[in-house]
């Protein structure tokens, strides 16, 4: 009999299962579609921090998680024998106007304090061809941003769980403590009968290009992420679509993203598109992850709503949810509790 049943094999479900297993629990993960079948099976994988100012619980939680990520994914890689594609390669983004340049320089000092000198935020001149167009001639370079390949990271987590004795299956009973990490479906279940939306799905489209920049930093320009993966591809994305007819189909909106990407980073001109991807990401009304006791199921738990930041938040989400479920220790920030979105 399992001590913990996790329903949902996206990044939150798999990560919490891994943390519980590492604490000695017997764990079963159940998902009828298999690991990483939904939004967590994407291609982009930008683990990027919030701006280092106006510090709050959400930013502190994310910072802790990004610092934890290297050790977390190294353990997963060792246990699974598979690479999740993790590397802390940093990020470069253009400074678009003079006022922004002054603000960016002010943030160098705040980053040194808030990031505890574990990572840097620096303003630098534009250099080389792997750089976005910048009207000021300067860019922000942070060394906290990391990358992984989402689909491969989920595969590696599932393999690590299986290798460590966890049952990852498509069906099974609820046994022991139960966690619901069911993404958009879970948010829609919470919406039923409520006067306002608790959350919902936002479609995103991204692409993989045949551009080998694996040892270079990520880029962020014109609202797009450019993520060089260790396999010699570069991902770009993504759209944020509130309305859509086909949740997994790509269309002209992705064509527009690719065109914007080439305009922002000319080094991508002529690159071959290897893969086009689309999926629907869970977004809680508060935009923060929804963690804690499940609002509908007495004595059960929820981890959902990690819109755009799920992979970056996952190591810390896994830690606090495992503590809550196994020990009764509650270190969840108030803004992350389900009540913040209900």
Foldseek 3Di string as FASTA:
>chain_A
DWQEEEEDQALQRLLLQVLLVVVPTAYAYAAQQFHCPFPLQDFAFKQDADQLPPDDPQRLLLLVLLVCVVVSQVLLCVLQVFHQQKDQFWEKEAQADPVSVVVQCVSQVSCCVSSVVPKGWDKDADDDQQHFDHPVRIIIIIRSMMGGGRNRSSVSSVSSCVSSPYHYYHDDDGDRAYEYAHWQVVQVVVQPPDPDGQWHWWKKKKFKWQAAPCNHHWYAYPNKTWAHTPVRIIMIYIDTHPDDDDQWDDDVVHVVRVVVVCNGRVVCPPIDTPDMTMHIGIAGPLSAWAWDCDPPDPRHIYTYHPPPNCVSSNNSSSNQRSCCRPPVDHPDDPCRHSVVRD
